[in-house]
N, C-alpha and C. Protein backbone atom coordinates (compact mmCIF):
# COMPACT_ATOMS: atom_id res chain seq x y z
N MET A 1 8.28 22.59 11.33
CA MET A 1 9.01 21.53 10.67
C MET A 1 8.04 20.62 9.93
N ILE A 2 8.26 20.42 8.65
CA ILE A 2 7.40 19.59 7.81
C ILE A 2 8.00 18.20 7.73
N LEU A 3 7.22 17.20 8.11
CA LEU A 3 7.67 15.82 8.02
C LEU A 3 7.36 15.28 6.63
N LYS A 4 8.35 14.66 6.01
CA LYS A 4 8.17 14.10 4.68
C LYS A 4 7.45 12.76 4.81
N LYS A 5 6.36 12.61 4.08
CA LYS A 5 5.62 11.35 4.08
C LYS A 5 6.19 10.46 2.98
N ASN A 6 6.53 9.24 3.35
CA ASN A 6 7.02 8.25 2.40
C ASN A 6 5.92 7.22 2.16
N TYR A 7 5.34 7.23 0.98
CA TYR A 7 4.24 6.34 0.65
C TYR A 7 4.78 4.98 0.25
N PHE A 8 3.98 3.93 0.49
CA PHE A 8 4.44 2.58 0.22
C PHE A 8 3.27 1.65 -0.01
N ILE A 9 3.59 0.42 -0.42
CA ILE A 9 2.65 -0.70 -0.47
C ILE A 9 3.17 -1.70 0.53
N PHE A 10 2.33 -2.10 1.49
CA PHE A 10 2.84 -2.99 2.52
C PHE A 10 2.75 -4.44 2.07
N LEU A 11 3.72 -5.23 2.49
CA LEU A 11 3.86 -6.62 2.08
C LEU A 11 3.62 -7.53 3.28
N GLY A 12 3.86 -8.80 3.11
CA GLY A 12 3.74 -9.75 4.20
C GLY A 12 2.32 -10.25 4.36
N LYS A 13 2.05 -10.88 5.51
CA LYS A 13 0.72 -11.44 5.77
C LYS A 13 -0.35 -10.36 5.76
N ASN A 14 -0.08 -9.24 6.40
CA ASN A 14 -1.07 -8.17 6.46
C ASN A 14 -1.38 -7.61 5.07
N GLY A 15 -0.37 -7.39 4.27
CA GLY A 15 -0.58 -6.89 2.92
C GLY A 15 -1.31 -7.88 2.04
N LEU A 16 -0.95 -9.15 2.17
CA LEU A 16 -1.61 -10.19 1.37
C LEU A 16 -3.09 -10.26 1.68
N ILE A 17 -3.44 -10.24 2.95
CA ILE A 17 -4.85 -10.30 3.35
C ILE A 17 -5.58 -9.04 2.90
N TYR A 18 -5.00 -7.87 3.13
CA TYR A 18 -5.66 -6.61 2.79
C TYR A 18 -5.90 -6.49 1.29
N TYR A 19 -4.85 -6.71 0.50
CA TYR A 19 -5.00 -6.54 -0.94
C TYR A 19 -5.79 -7.68 -1.58
N SER A 20 -5.84 -8.85 -0.96
CA SER A 20 -6.69 -9.94 -1.47
C SER A 20 -8.16 -9.55 -1.37
N TRP A 21 -8.56 -9.01 -0.22
CA TRP A 21 -9.94 -8.56 -0.08
C TRP A 21 -10.24 -7.40 -1.00
N LEU A 22 -9.27 -6.57 -1.24
CA LEU A 22 -9.47 -5.45 -2.16
C LEU A 22 -9.72 -5.96 -3.57
N PHE A 23 -8.95 -6.95 -4.00
CA PHE A 23 -9.13 -7.49 -5.35
C PHE A 23 -10.38 -8.35 -5.47
N VAL A 24 -10.91 -8.86 -4.37
CA VAL A 24 -12.19 -9.56 -4.41
C VAL A 24 -13.28 -8.61 -4.90
N VAL A 25 -13.23 -7.35 -4.45
CA VAL A 25 -14.20 -6.35 -4.90
C VAL A 25 -14.07 -6.14 -6.40
N LEU A 26 -12.84 -6.06 -6.90
CA LEU A 26 -12.63 -5.90 -8.35
C LEU A 26 -13.16 -7.10 -9.12
N PHE A 27 -12.86 -8.30 -8.67
CA PHE A 27 -13.30 -9.49 -9.39
C PHE A 27 -14.81 -9.64 -9.38
N ILE A 28 -15.47 -9.25 -8.29
CA ILE A 28 -16.94 -9.28 -8.27
C ILE A 28 -17.48 -8.32 -9.32
N GLY A 29 -16.88 -7.14 -9.43
CA GLY A 29 -17.30 -6.19 -10.45
C GLY A 29 -17.09 -6.72 -11.86
N LEU A 30 -15.95 -7.37 -12.09
CA LEU A 30 -15.69 -7.94 -13.42
C LEU A 30 -16.65 -9.09 -13.73
N ILE A 31 -16.93 -9.92 -12.75
CA ILE A 31 -17.87 -11.03 -12.97
C ILE A 31 -19.26 -10.49 -13.29
N LEU A 32 -19.70 -9.51 -12.53
CA LEU A 32 -21.01 -8.90 -12.81
C LEU A 32 -21.02 -8.27 -14.20
N GLY A 33 -19.91 -7.67 -14.61
CA GLY A 33 -19.84 -7.05 -15.93
C GLY A 33 -19.90 -8.05 -17.06
N TYR A 34 -19.21 -9.18 -16.92
CA TYR A 34 -19.19 -10.19 -17.98
C TYR A 34 -20.46 -11.03 -18.01
N GLU A 35 -21.10 -11.21 -16.88
CA GLU A 35 -22.30 -12.04 -16.83
C GLU A 35 -23.57 -11.25 -17.10
N GLY A 36 -23.50 -9.95 -17.12
CA GLY A 36 -24.68 -9.13 -17.34
C GLY A 36 -25.13 -9.17 -18.78
N THR A 37 -26.43 -8.95 -19.00
CA THR A 37 -26.97 -8.99 -20.35
C THR A 37 -27.34 -7.61 -20.88
N SER A 38 -27.37 -6.62 -20.00
CA SER A 38 -27.72 -5.28 -20.46
C SER A 38 -26.48 -4.56 -20.99
N LYS A 39 -26.71 -3.50 -21.76
CA LYS A 39 -25.59 -2.75 -22.34
C LYS A 39 -24.78 -2.04 -21.25
N ILE A 40 -25.48 -1.43 -20.30
CA ILE A 40 -24.81 -0.76 -19.19
C ILE A 40 -25.17 -1.52 -17.93
N ASN A 41 -24.17 -2.15 -17.34
CA ASN A 41 -24.39 -2.95 -16.13
C ASN A 41 -24.01 -2.11 -14.92
N TRP A 42 -24.99 -1.48 -14.30
CA TRP A 42 -24.74 -0.55 -13.20
C TRP A 42 -24.11 -1.20 -11.98
N PRO A 43 -24.54 -2.39 -11.56
CA PRO A 43 -23.86 -3.01 -10.40
C PRO A 43 -22.37 -3.23 -10.64
N ALA A 44 -22.00 -3.63 -11.85
CA ALA A 44 -20.58 -3.84 -12.17
C ALA A 44 -19.82 -2.52 -12.12
N ILE A 45 -20.39 -1.47 -12.66
CA ILE A 45 -19.75 -0.15 -12.64
C ILE A 45 -19.57 0.33 -11.21
N ILE A 46 -20.59 0.12 -10.38
CA ILE A 46 -20.51 0.55 -8.98
C ILE A 46 -19.41 -0.20 -8.24
N PHE A 47 -19.32 -1.53 -8.44
CA PHE A 47 -18.28 -2.31 -7.77
C PHE A 47 -16.88 -1.89 -8.23
N ILE A 48 -16.70 -1.63 -9.50
CA ILE A 48 -15.38 -1.24 -10.01
C ILE A 48 -15.01 0.16 -9.52
N VAL A 49 -15.97 1.06 -9.45
CA VAL A 49 -15.69 2.40 -8.90
C VAL A 49 -15.33 2.30 -7.42
N ILE A 50 -16.05 1.45 -6.68
CA ILE A 50 -15.72 1.25 -5.26
C ILE A 50 -14.30 0.70 -5.12
N PHE A 51 -13.91 -0.24 -6.00
CA PHE A 51 -12.55 -0.78 -5.97
C PHE A 51 -11.52 0.33 -6.14
N PHE A 52 -11.71 1.21 -7.12
CA PHE A 52 -10.73 2.26 -7.36
C PHE A 52 -10.70 3.29 -6.23
N ILE A 53 -11.85 3.57 -5.63
CA ILE A 53 -11.87 4.48 -4.49
C ILE A 53 -11.09 3.90 -3.32
N ILE A 54 -11.31 2.62 -3.02
CA ILE A 54 -10.59 1.97 -1.92
C ILE A 54 -9.10 1.86 -2.24
N LEU A 55 -8.75 1.57 -3.50
CA LEU A 55 -7.34 1.47 -3.89
C LEU A 55 -6.63 2.82 -3.71
N ILE A 56 -7.24 3.89 -4.17
CA ILE A 56 -6.63 5.21 -4.03
C ILE A 56 -6.51 5.59 -2.56
N TYR A 57 -7.57 5.31 -1.78
CA TYR A 57 -7.50 5.58 -0.35
C TYR A 57 -6.36 4.79 0.30
N SER A 58 -6.21 3.53 -0.09
CA SER A 58 -5.15 2.69 0.49
C SER A 58 -3.77 3.23 0.17
N LEU A 59 -3.57 3.66 -1.06
CA LEU A 59 -2.26 4.17 -1.45
C LEU A 59 -1.95 5.51 -0.79
N LEU A 60 -2.97 6.35 -0.61
CA LEU A 60 -2.74 7.66 -0.01
C LEU A 60 -2.66 7.62 1.52
N SER A 61 -3.20 6.59 2.14
CA SER A 61 -3.16 6.53 3.60
C SER A 61 -2.15 5.51 4.11
N SER A 62 -1.26 5.04 3.25
CA SER A 62 -0.16 4.16 3.66
C SER A 62 1.13 4.94 3.55
N TYR A 63 1.62 5.44 4.67
CA TYR A 63 2.85 6.23 4.65
C TYR A 63 3.54 6.14 6.00
N TYR A 64 4.81 6.54 5.99
CA TYR A 64 5.55 6.63 7.25
C TYR A 64 6.41 7.89 7.22
N THR A 65 6.72 8.36 8.41
CA THR A 65 7.66 9.46 8.58
C THR A 65 8.77 8.95 9.49
N GLU A 66 9.57 9.85 9.99
CA GLU A 66 10.66 9.44 10.87
C GLU A 66 10.15 8.91 12.20
N SER A 67 8.97 9.32 12.60
CA SER A 67 8.50 8.97 13.95
C SER A 67 7.31 8.02 14.00
N TYR A 68 6.54 7.87 12.93
CA TYR A 68 5.39 6.98 12.99
C TYR A 68 5.09 6.34 11.65
N LEU A 69 4.24 5.30 11.71
CA LEU A 69 3.79 4.54 10.56
C LEU A 69 2.28 4.61 10.51
N LYS A 70 1.70 4.82 9.32
CA LYS A 70 0.25 4.89 9.15
C LYS A 70 -0.16 3.86 8.12
N LEU A 71 -1.09 2.97 8.51
CA LEU A 71 -1.68 2.00 7.61
C LEU A 71 -3.14 2.38 7.37
N PRO A 72 -3.75 1.95 6.26
CA PRO A 72 -5.12 2.38 5.96
C PRO A 72 -6.14 1.92 6.99
N TYR A 73 -5.89 0.84 7.66
CA TYR A 73 -6.87 0.28 8.59
C TYR A 73 -6.48 0.49 10.05
N LYS A 74 -5.43 1.24 10.33
CA LYS A 74 -4.98 1.50 11.70
C LYS A 74 -4.68 2.98 11.89
N ILE A 75 -4.61 3.37 13.18
CA ILE A 75 -4.19 4.72 13.49
C ILE A 75 -2.67 4.81 13.39
N LYS A 76 -2.13 6.00 13.54
CA LYS A 76 -0.68 6.19 13.46
C LYS A 76 -0.02 5.43 14.61
N MET A 77 1.01 4.66 14.26
CA MET A 77 1.73 3.86 15.25
C MET A 77 3.15 4.39 15.36
N PRO A 78 3.65 4.62 16.57
CA PRO A 78 5.03 5.11 16.71
C PRO A 78 6.03 4.02 16.33
N LEU A 79 7.10 4.42 15.67
CA LEU A 79 8.13 3.48 15.25
C LEU A 79 9.13 3.25 16.37
N LYS A 80 9.57 2.01 16.50
CA LYS A 80 10.59 1.68 17.49
C LYS A 80 11.97 2.12 16.99
N GLN A 81 12.19 1.96 15.70
CA GLN A 81 13.46 2.34 15.09
C GLN A 81 13.21 2.81 13.66
N ALA A 82 14.18 3.41 13.06
CA ALA A 82 14.05 3.89 11.69
C ALA A 82 13.90 2.70 10.74
N PRO A 83 13.22 2.88 9.60
CA PRO A 83 13.08 1.79 8.64
C PRO A 83 14.44 1.29 8.14
N ASN A 84 14.56 -0.01 8.03
CA ASN A 84 15.80 -0.65 7.61
C ASN A 84 15.63 -1.18 6.19
N LYS A 85 16.51 -0.76 5.27
CA LYS A 85 16.42 -1.24 3.89
C LYS A 85 16.90 -2.68 3.83
N VAL A 86 16.01 -3.57 3.39
CA VAL A 86 16.31 -5.00 3.32
C VAL A 86 16.80 -5.38 1.94
N TRP A 87 16.17 -4.81 0.91
CA TRP A 87 16.50 -5.20 -0.46
C TRP A 87 16.30 -4.00 -1.37
N ALA A 88 17.15 -3.86 -2.36
CA ALA A 88 17.02 -2.78 -3.33
C ALA A 88 17.48 -3.26 -4.70
N TRP A 89 16.74 -2.86 -5.71
CA TRP A 89 17.11 -3.13 -7.09
C TRP A 89 16.55 -2.01 -7.95
N ARG A 90 17.44 -1.29 -8.59
CA ARG A 90 17.09 -0.13 -9.41
C ARG A 90 16.24 0.85 -8.63
N VAL A 91 14.96 1.01 -8.97
CA VAL A 91 14.11 1.97 -8.26
C VAL A 91 13.22 1.30 -7.21
N PHE A 92 13.32 -0.02 -7.07
CA PHE A 92 12.47 -0.77 -6.15
C PHE A 92 13.22 -1.02 -4.85
N ASN A 93 12.59 -0.69 -3.73
CA ASN A 93 13.19 -0.87 -2.41
C ASN A 93 12.19 -1.54 -1.47
N ILE A 94 12.70 -2.42 -0.63
CA ILE A 94 11.88 -3.05 0.41
C ILE A 94 12.51 -2.70 1.74
N TYR A 95 11.68 -2.16 2.64
CA TYR A 95 12.12 -1.76 3.97
C TYR A 95 11.43 -2.64 5.02
N GLN A 96 12.12 -2.82 6.13
CA GLN A 96 11.54 -3.50 7.27
C GLN A 96 11.34 -2.46 8.38
N VAL A 97 10.13 -2.43 8.93
CA VAL A 97 9.80 -1.48 9.98
C VAL A 97 9.34 -2.27 11.20
N ARG A 98 9.91 -1.94 12.35
CA ARG A 98 9.50 -2.58 13.61
C ARG A 98 8.68 -1.60 14.42
N ILE A 99 7.49 -2.05 14.79
CA ILE A 99 6.62 -1.25 15.65
C ILE A 99 6.97 -1.52 17.11
N ASP A 100 7.11 -2.78 17.46
CA ASP A 100 7.55 -3.22 18.78
C ASP A 100 8.26 -4.55 18.58
N ASN A 101 8.51 -5.28 19.64
CA ASN A 101 9.24 -6.54 19.52
C ASN A 101 8.43 -7.62 18.79
N LEU A 102 7.12 -7.49 18.75
CA LEU A 102 6.28 -8.51 18.12
C LEU A 102 5.85 -8.17 16.71
N HIS A 103 5.64 -6.89 16.42
CA HIS A 103 5.08 -6.49 15.13
C HIS A 103 6.14 -5.87 14.23
N GLN A 104 6.20 -6.40 13.03
CA GLN A 104 7.06 -5.84 12.01
C GLN A 104 6.32 -5.85 10.68
N TYR A 105 6.64 -4.90 9.84
CA TYR A 105 6.02 -4.79 8.53
C TYR A 105 7.12 -4.66 7.49
N PHE A 106 6.85 -5.20 6.29
CA PHE A 106 7.73 -5.01 5.15
C PHE A 106 7.02 -4.07 4.20
N LEU A 107 7.74 -3.03 3.77
CA LEU A 107 7.16 -1.98 2.95
C LEU A 107 7.86 -1.94 1.60
N PHE A 108 7.08 -1.85 0.53
CA PHE A 108 7.60 -1.77 -0.83
C PHE A 108 7.47 -0.34 -1.31
N ARG A 109 8.61 0.25 -1.68
CA ARG A 109 8.62 1.62 -2.19
C ARG A 109 9.28 1.69 -3.55
N ILE A 110 8.76 2.55 -4.38
CA ILE A 110 9.39 2.86 -5.66
C ILE A 110 9.95 4.26 -5.51
N GLU A 111 11.27 4.37 -5.51
CA GLU A 111 11.90 5.66 -5.31
C GLU A 111 13.19 5.73 -6.11
N LYS A 112 13.54 6.92 -6.45
CA LYS A 112 14.77 7.15 -7.20
C LYS A 112 15.96 7.03 -6.24
N ASN A 113 16.86 6.11 -6.54
CA ASN A 113 18.05 5.94 -5.70
C ASN A 113 19.04 7.05 -6.00
N LYS A 114 19.59 7.62 -4.94
CA LYS A 114 20.55 8.70 -5.12
C LYS A 114 21.93 8.13 -5.42
N VAL A 115 22.52 8.62 -6.49
CA VAL A 115 23.84 8.18 -6.89
C VAL A 115 24.84 9.18 -6.37
N GLU A 116 25.78 8.72 -5.57
CA GLU A 116 26.79 9.61 -5.02
C GLU A 116 27.94 9.76 -6.02
N SER A 117 28.26 10.98 -6.33
CA SER A 117 29.34 11.23 -7.28
C SER A 117 30.67 11.29 -6.53
N GLY A 118 31.73 10.96 -7.22
CA GLY A 118 33.06 10.92 -6.62
C GLY A 118 33.77 12.26 -6.64
N LYS A 119 33.06 13.35 -6.82
CA LYS A 119 33.69 14.68 -6.88
C LYS A 119 34.05 15.20 -5.54
């Protein structure tokens, strides 16, 4: 049985802290690039490449299935209940996932909504 992985961007306090530190790496690279005097600024290129590597890793290692949730900085965590859709607009959906009574995460997904036909 193949479990379908649903990729997402996590929101809330955890997402804000994680992605803020991620963008700090990008901004350091941009500052080094704009403040440099040489034609090719290697430290800026290295920081920006590191940013994109971490961003791709974050997007590919943030997923959930029917039975567990995986975040880039944690191991797989079993879900207490199935993800609950909190908000939806066109292709944008926000789900709430409960790990236990204390921990909950809000997940942002871009997915095609299925339209049920009246046939």
